[in-house]
Amino acid sequence: MTAPTGEIYRIAWLPGTDTLHGTCHCGREHTAQDPVEMWQWMLAHPQGHVRADEPRGDSS
Protein backbone atom coordinates (compact mmCIF):
# COMPACT_ATOMS: atom_id res chain seq x y z
CA MET A 1 0.00 0.00 0.00
CA THR A 2 1.22 3.51 -0.79
CA ALA A 3 1.21 6.45 1.58
CA PRO A 4 -1.76 8.83 1.33
CA THR A 5 -1.11 12.02 -0.63
CA GLY A 6 -3.77 14.23 0.95
CA GLU A 7 -5.16 15.08 -2.49
CA ILE A 8 -8.96 15.14 -2.71
CA TYR A 9 -10.81 14.79 -5.99
CA ARG A 10 -14.56 15.37 -6.10
CA ILE A 11 -16.94 14.32 -8.83
CA ALA A 12 -20.65 15.05 -8.58
CA TRP A 13 -23.43 13.93 -10.88
CA LEU A 14 -25.77 16.78 -11.83
CA PRO A 15 -29.28 15.30 -11.28
CA GLY A 16 -31.54 15.24 -14.31
CA THR A 17 -28.57 15.28 -16.72
CA ASP A 18 -25.79 13.01 -17.96
CA THR A 19 -23.27 15.60 -16.76
CA LEU A 20 -20.50 15.15 -14.21
CA HIS A 21 -18.95 18.11 -12.41
CA GLY A 22 -15.46 17.56 -11.08
CA THR A 23 -13.27 19.55 -8.72
CA CYS A 24 -9.54 18.82 -8.61
CA HIS A 25 -7.47 19.07 -5.44
CA CYS A 26 -6.05 22.32 -6.88
CA GLY A 27 -9.54 23.86 -6.97
CA ARG A 28 -10.01 23.84 -10.74
CA GLU A 29 -13.38 22.62 -12.01
CA HIS A 30 -14.35 20.64 -15.12
CA THR A 31 -17.59 19.36 -16.60
CA ALA A 32 -17.92 16.26 -18.76
CA GLN A 33 -20.44 13.58 -19.68
CA ASP A 34 -17.88 10.77 -19.89
CA PRO A 35 -16.53 9.46 -16.56
CA VAL A 36 -13.29 8.31 -18.23
CA GLU A 37 -12.71 11.81 -19.63
CA MET A 38 -13.34 13.27 -16.18
CA TRP A 39 -10.79 10.99 -14.47
CA GLN A 40 -8.22 11.58 -17.22
CA TRP A 41 -8.59 15.33 -16.67
CA MET A 42 -8.29 14.93 -12.90
CA LEU A 43 -5.23 12.70 -13.00
CA ALA A 44 -3.46 14.81 -15.67
CA HIS A 45 -2.99 17.62 -13.12
CA PRO A 46 -1.64 20.23 -13.77
CA GLN A 47 -2.16 19.82 -17.54
CA GLY A 48 -5.49 21.33 -18.57
CA HIS A 49 -5.98 23.03 -15.21
CA VAL A 50 -5.26 26.62 -16.33
CA ARG A 51 -8.17 29.03 -16.73
CA ALA A 52 -8.43 30.92 -20.02
CA ASP A 53 -8.21 34.28 -18.21
CA GLU A 54 -5.07 33.32 -16.25
CA PRO A 55 -1.65 34.60 -17.40
CA ARG A 56 0.55 31.80 -18.74
CA GLY A 57 3.88 33.22 -17.59
CA ASP A 58 5.11 34.21 -21.07
CA SER A 59 6.66 37.63 -20.63
CA SER A 60 8.36 37.84 -24.03
PDB file of N, CA and C in Angstrom:
ATOM      1  N   MET A   1       0.837  -1.184   0.000  1.00  0.00           N
ATOM      2  CA  MET A   1       0.000   0.000   0.000  1.00  0.00           C
ATOM      3  C   MET A   1       0.880   1.244   0.000  1.00  0.00           C
ATOM      4  N   THR A   2       0.448   2.262  -0.728  1.00  0.00           N
ATOM      5  CA  THR A   2       1.219   3.508  -0.788  1.00  0.00           C
ATOM      6  C   THR A   2       0.729   4.478   0.282  1.00  0.00           C
ATOM      7  N   ALA A   3       1.564   5.438   0.587  1.00  0.00           N
ATOM      8  CA  ALA A   3       1.214   6.450   1.583  1.00  0.00           C
ATOM      9  C   ALA A   3       0.171   7.405   1.010  1.00  0.00           C
ATOM     10  N   PRO A   4      -0.759   7.885   1.823  1.00  0.00           N
ATOM     11  CA  PRO A   4      -1.760   8.828   1.334  1.00  0.00           C
ATOM     12  C   PRO A   4      -1.120  10.152   0.927  1.00  0.00           C
ATOM     13  N   THR A   5      -1.673  10.774  -0.117  1.00  0.00           N
ATOM     14  CA  THR A   5      -1.111  12.025  -0.631  1.00  0.00           C
ATOM     15  C   THR A   5      -1.816  13.250  -0.075  1.00  0.00           C
ATOM     16  N   GLY A   6      -3.012  13.088   0.463  1.00  0.00           N
ATOM     17  CA  GLY A   6      -3.773  14.226   0.953  1.00  0.00           C
ATOM     18  C   GLY A   6      -4.521  14.960  -0.145  1.00  0.00           C
ATOM     19  N   GLU A   7      -4.458  14.454  -1.376  1.00  0.00           N
ATOM     20  CA  GLU A   7      -5.165  15.082  -2.485  1.00  0.00           C
ATOM     21  C   GLU A   7      -6.599  14.576  -2.515  1.00  0.00           C
ATOM     22  N   ILE A   8      -7.549  15.504  -2.666  1.00  0.00           N
ATOM     23  CA  ILE A   8      -8.958  15.140  -2.707  1.00  0.00           C
ATOM     24  C   ILE A   8      -9.530  15.537  -4.057  1.00  0.00           C
ATOM     25  N   TYR A   9     -10.132  14.572  -4.713  1.00  0.00           N
ATOM     26  CA  TYR A   9     -10.812  14.789  -5.986  1.00  0.00           C
ATOM     27  C   TYR A   9     -12.298  14.600  -5.738  1.00  0.00           C
ATOM     28  N   ARG A  10     -13.118  15.490  -6.276  1.00  0.00           N
ATOM     29  CA  ARG A  10     -14.564  15.372  -6.098  1.00  0.00           C
ATOM     30  C   ARG A  10     -15.234  15.336  -7.464  1.00  0.00           C
ATOM     31  N   ILE A  11     -16.135  14.385  -7.627  1.00  0.00           N
ATOM     32  CA  ILE A  11     -16.945  14.316  -8.834  1.00  0.00           C
ATOM     33  C   ILE A  11     -18.394  14.178  -8.402  1.00  0.00           C
ATOM     34  N   ALA A  12     -19.236  15.062  -8.907  1.00  0.00           N
ATOM     35  CA  ALA A  12     -20.655  15.045  -8.578  1.00  0.00           C
ATOM     36  C   ALA A  12     -21.465  14.889  -9.858  1.00  0.00           C
ATOM     37  N   TRP A  13     -22.494  14.080  -9.772  1.00  0.00           N
ATOM     38  CA  TRP A  13     -23.430  13.935 -10.876  1.00  0.00           C
ATOM     39  C   TRP A  13     -24.464  15.028 -10.748  1.00  0.00           C
ATOM     40  N   LEU A  14     -24.758  15.727 -11.848  1.00  0.00           N
ATOM     41  CA  LEU A  14     -25.766  16.778 -11.827  1.00  0.00           C
ATOM     42  C   LEU A  14     -27.125  16.126 -12.119  1.00  0.00           C
ATOM     43  N   PRO A  15     -27.994  16.005 -11.130  1.00  0.00           N
ATOM     44  CA  PRO A  15     -29.275  15.305 -11.284  1.00  0.00           C
ATOM     45  C   PRO A  15     -30.090  15.824 -12.469  1.00  0.00           C
ATOM     46  N   GLY A  16     -30.720  14.898 -13.164  1.00  0.00           N
ATOM     47  CA  GLY A  16     -31.541  15.243 -14.314  1.00  0.00           C
ATOM     48  C   GLY A  16     -30.750  15.397 -15.601  1.00  0.00           C
ATOM     49  N   THR A  17     -29.430  15.149 -15.539  1.00  0.00           N
ATOM     50  CA  THR A  17     -28.573  15.276 -16.720  1.00  0.00           C
ATOM     51  C   THR A  17     -27.641  14.067 -16.787  1.00  0.00           C
ATOM     52  N   ASP A  18     -26.863  13.998 -17.833  1.00  0.00           N
ATOM     53  CA  ASP A  18     -25.790  13.012 -17.959  1.00  0.00           C
ATOM     54  C   ASP A  18     -24.442  13.677 -17.672  1.00  0.00           C
ATOM     55  N   THR A  19     -24.459  14.777 -16.956  1.00  0.00           N
ATOM     56  CA  THR A  19     -23.275  15.601 -16.757  1.00  0.00           C
ATOM     57  C   THR A  19     -22.627  15.345 -15.396  1.00  0.00           C
ATOM     58  N   LEU A  20     -21.303  15.259 -15.424  1.00  0.00           N
ATOM     59  CA  LEU A  20     -20.501  15.150 -14.211  1.00  0.00           C
ATOM     60  C   LEU A  20     -19.764  16.466 -13.996  1.00  0.00           C
ATOM     61  N   HIS A  21     -19.681  16.894 -12.757  1.00  0.00           N
ATOM     62  CA  HIS A  21     -18.955  18.114 -12.414  1.00  0.00           C
ATOM     63  C   HIS A  21     -17.834  17.721 -11.458  1.00  0.00           C
ATOM     64  N   GLY A  22     -16.599  17.954 -11.884  1.00  0.00           N
ATOM     65  CA  GLY A  22     -15.458  17.557 -11.076  1.00  0.00           C
ATOM     66  C   GLY A  22     -14.687  18.741 -10.536  1.00  0.00           C
ATOM     67  N   THR A  23     -14.132  18.546  -9.343  1.00  0.00           N
ATOM     68  CA  THR A  23     -13.267  19.547  -8.725  1.00  0.00           C
ATOM     69  C   THR A  23     -11.965  18.871  -8.346  1.00  0.00           C
ATOM     70  N   CYS A  24     -10.867  19.356  -8.880  1.00  0.00           N
ATOM     71  CA  CYS A  24      -9.535  18.819  -8.611  1.00  0.00           C
ATOM     72  C   CYS A  24      -9.056  19.306  -7.249  1.00  0.00           C
ATOM     73  N   HIS A  25      -8.045  18.641  -6.719  1.00  0.00           N
ATOM     74  CA  HIS A  25      -7.469  19.065  -5.439  1.00  0.00           C
ATOM     75  C   HIS A  25      -6.892  20.466  -5.510  1.00  0.00           C
ATOM     76  N   CYS A  26      -6.591  20.968  -6.720  1.00  0.00           N
ATOM     77  CA  CYS A  26      -6.050  22.318  -6.877  1.00  0.00           C
ATOM     78  C   CYS A  26      -7.160  23.374  -6.924  1.00  0.00           C
ATOM     79  N   GLY A  27      -8.418  22.929  -6.956  1.00  0.00           N
ATOM     80  CA  GLY A  27      -9.538  23.859  -6.971  1.00  0.00           C
ATOM     81  C   GLY A  27     -10.144  24.101  -8.337  1.00  0.00           C
ATOM     82  N   ARG A  28      -9.473  23.673  -9.387  1.00  0.00           N
ATOM     83  CA  ARG A  28     -10.010  23.841 -10.737  1.00  0.00           C
ATOM     84  C   ARG A  28     -11.216  22.932 -10.921  1.00  0.00           C
ATOM     85  N   GLU A  29     -12.165  23.371 -11.771  1.00  0.00           N
ATOM     86  CA  GLU A  29     -13.384  22.619 -12.013  1.00  0.00           C
ATOM     87  C   GLU A  29     -13.487  22.261 -13.483  1.00  0.00           C
ATOM     88  N   HIS A  30     -14.192  21.150 -13.749  1.00  0.00           N
ATOM     89  CA  HIS A  30     -14.346  20.641 -15.115  1.00  0.00           C
ATOM     90  C   HIS A  30     -15.689  19.947 -15.208  1.00  0.00           C
ATOM     91  N   THR A  31     -16.314  20.024 -16.364  1.00  0.00           N
ATOM     92  CA  THR A  31     -17.588  19.357 -16.598  1.00  0.00           C
ATOM     93  C   THR A  31     -17.441  18.440 -17.801  1.00  0.00           C
ATOM     94  N   ALA A  32     -17.982  17.229 -17.678  1.00  0.00           N
ATOM     95  CA  ALA A  32     -17.917  16.257 -18.762  1.00  0.00           C
ATOM     96  C   ALA A  32     -19.071  15.272 -18.629  1.00  0.00           C
ATOM     97  N   GLN A  33     -19.409  14.606 -19.729  1.00  0.00           N
ATOM     98  CA  GLN A  33     -20.439  13.575 -19.683  1.00  0.00           C
ATOM     99  C   GLN A  33     -19.826  12.188 -19.565  1.00  0.00           C
ATOM    100  N   ASP A  34     -18.567  12.060 -19.900  1.00  0.00           N
ATOM    101  CA  ASP A  34     -17.884  10.767 -19.886  1.00  0.00           C
ATOM    102  C   ASP A  34     -17.040  10.633 -18.621  1.00  0.00           C
ATOM    103  N   PRO A  35     -17.314   9.619 -17.781  1.00  0.00           N
ATOM    104  CA  PRO A  35     -16.534   9.455 -16.560  1.00  0.00           C
ATOM    105  C   PRO A  35     -15.044   9.227 -16.814  1.00  0.00           C
ATOM    106  N   VAL A  36     -14.706   8.551 -17.907  1.00  0.00           N
ATOM    107  CA  VAL A  36     -13.292   8.309 -18.230  1.00  0.00           C
ATOM    108  C   VAL A  36     -12.602   9.636 -18.541  1.00  0.00           C
ATOM    109  N   GLU A  37     -13.270  10.490 -19.318  1.00  0.00           N
ATOM    110  CA  GLU A  37     -12.713  11.809 -19.632  1.00  0.00           C
ATOM    111  C   GLU A  37     -12.491  12.619 -18.350  1.00  0.00           C
ATOM    112  N   MET A  38     -13.461  12.526 -17.439  1.00  0.00           N
ATOM    113  CA  MET A  38     -13.344  13.272 -16.181  1.00  0.00           C
ATOM    114  C   MET A  38     -12.129  12.808 -15.392  1.00  0.00           C
ATOM    115  N   TRP A  39     -11.928  11.496 -15.236  1.00  0.00           N
ATOM    116  CA  TRP A  39     -10.785  10.994 -14.468  1.00  0.00           C
ATOM    117  C   TRP A  39      -9.462  11.287 -15.171  1.00  0.00           C
ATOM    118  N   GLN A  40      -9.454  11.232 -16.506  1.00  0.00           N
ATOM    119  CA  GLN A  40      -8.224  11.579 -17.224  1.00  0.00           C
ATOM    120  C   GLN A  40      -7.852  13.026 -16.964  1.00  0.00           C
ATOM    121  N   TRP A  41      -8.847  13.916 -16.953  1.00  0.00           N
ATOM    122  CA  TRP A  41      -8.586  15.332 -16.673  1.00  0.00           C
ATOM    123  C   TRP A  41      -8.052  15.494 -15.251  1.00  0.00           C
ATOM    124  N   MET A  42      -8.712  14.828 -14.299  1.00  0.00           N
ATOM    125  CA  MET A  42      -8.288  14.930 -12.901  1.00  0.00           C
ATOM    126  C   MET A  42      -6.842  14.469 -12.712  1.00  0.00           C
ATOM    127  N   LEU A  43      -6.535  13.306 -13.242  1.00  0.00           N
ATOM    128  CA  LEU A  43      -5.226  12.698 -13.004  1.00  0.00           C
ATOM    129  C   LEU A  43      -4.114  13.307 -13.848  1.00  0.00           C
ATOM    130  N   ALA A  44      -4.468  14.147 -14.837  1.00  0.00           N
ATOM    131  CA  ALA A  44      -3.463  14.812 -15.675  1.00  0.00           C
ATOM    132  C   ALA A  44      -2.927  16.077 -15.012  1.00  0.00           C
ATOM    133  N   HIS A  45      -3.412  16.403 -13.824  1.00  0.00           N
ATOM    134  CA  HIS A  45      -2.992  17.624 -13.121  1.00  0.00           C
ATOM    135  C   HIS A  45      -1.479  17.794 -13.196  1.00  0.00           C
ATOM    136  N   PRO A  46      -0.964  18.959 -13.572  1.00  0.00           N
ATOM    137  CA  PRO A  46      -1.637  20.233 -13.774  1.00  0.00           C
ATOM    138  C   PRO A  46      -2.030  20.509 -15.223  1.00  0.00           C
ATOM    139  N   GLN A  47      -1.801  19.586 -16.134  1.00  0.00           N
ATOM    140  CA  GLN A  47      -2.159  19.820 -17.537  1.00  0.00           C
ATOM    141  C   GLN A  47      -3.670  19.987 -17.672  1.00  0.00           C
ATOM    142  N   GLY A  48      -4.078  21.066 -18.367  1.00  0.00           N
ATOM    143  CA  GLY A  48      -5.494  21.330 -18.569  1.00  0.00           C
ATOM    144  C   GLY A  48      -6.167  22.016 -17.398  1.00  0.00           C
ATOM    145  N   HIS A  49      -5.401  22.423 -16.391  1.00  0.00           N
ATOM    146  CA  HIS A  49      -5.979  23.026 -15.210  1.00  0.00           C
ATOM    147  C   HIS A  49      -5.729  24.526 -15.137  1.00  0.00           C
ATOM    148  N   VAL A  50      -5.498  25.177 -16.280  1.00  0.00           N
ATOM    149  CA  VAL A  50      -5.265  26.618 -16.329  1.00  0.00           C
ATOM    150  C   VAL A  50      -6.498  27.280 -16.916  1.00  0.00           C
ATOM    151  N   ARG A  51      -7.005  28.294 -16.221  1.00  0.00           N
ATOM    152  CA  ARG A  51      -8.165  29.033 -16.727  1.00  0.00           C
ATOM    153  C   ARG A  51      -7.751  29.867 -17.929  1.00  0.00           C
ATOM    154  N   ALA A  52      -8.696  30.132 -18.813  1.00  0.00           N
ATOM    155  CA  ALA A  52      -8.426  30.916 -20.018  1.00  0.00           C
ATOM    156  C   ALA A  52      -8.024  32.350 -19.682  1.00  0.00           C
ATOM    157  N   ASP A  53      -8.518  32.900 -18.565  1.00  0.00           N
ATOM    158  CA  ASP A  53      -8.212  34.282 -18.205  1.00  0.00           C
ATOM    159  C   ASP A  53      -6.971  34.412 -17.333  1.00  0.00           C
ATOM    160  N   GLU A  54      -6.270  33.323 -17.104  1.00  0.00           N
ATOM    161  CA  GLU A  54      -5.070  33.317 -16.253  1.00  0.00           C
ATOM    162  C   GLU A  54      -3.818  33.561 -17.107  1.00  0.00           C
ATOM    163  N   PRO A  55      -2.900  34.406 -16.647  1.00  0.00           N
ATOM    164  CA  PRO A  55      -1.654  34.595 -17.401  1.00  0.00           C
ATOM    165  C   PRO A  55      -0.854  33.288 -17.447  1.00  0.00           C
ATOM    166  N   ARG A  56      -0.177  33.054 -18.554  1.00  0.00           N
ATOM    167  CA  ARG A  56       0.554  31.802 -18.741  1.00  0.00           C
ATOM    168  C   ARG A  56       2.026  31.904 -18.408  1.00  0.00           C
ATOM    169  N   GLY A  57       2.481  33.073 -17.977  1.00  0.00           N
ATOM    170  CA  GLY A  57       3.876  33.224 -17.591  1.00  0.00           C
ATOM    171  C   GLY A  57       4.810  33.581 -18.722  1.00  0.00           C
ATOM    172  N   ASP A  58       4.282  33.797 -19.931  1.00  0.00           N
ATOM    173  CA  ASP A  58       5.111  34.206 -21.065  1.00  0.00           C
ATOM    174  C   ASP A  58       5.271  35.713 -21.028  1.00  0.00           C
ATOM    175  N   SER A  59       6.446  36.178 -20.711  1.00  0.00           N
ATOM    176  CA  SER A  59       6.662  37.629 -20.632  1.00  0.00           C
ATOM    177  C   SER A  59       7.362  38.181 -21.864  1.00  0.00           C
ATOM    178  N   SER A  60       7.659  37.348 -22.850  1.00  0.00           N
ATOM    179  CA  SER A  60       8.362  37.837 -24.035  1.00  0.00           C
ATOM    180  C   SER A  60       7.407  38.208 -25.138  1.00  0.00           C
TER     181      SER A  60
END
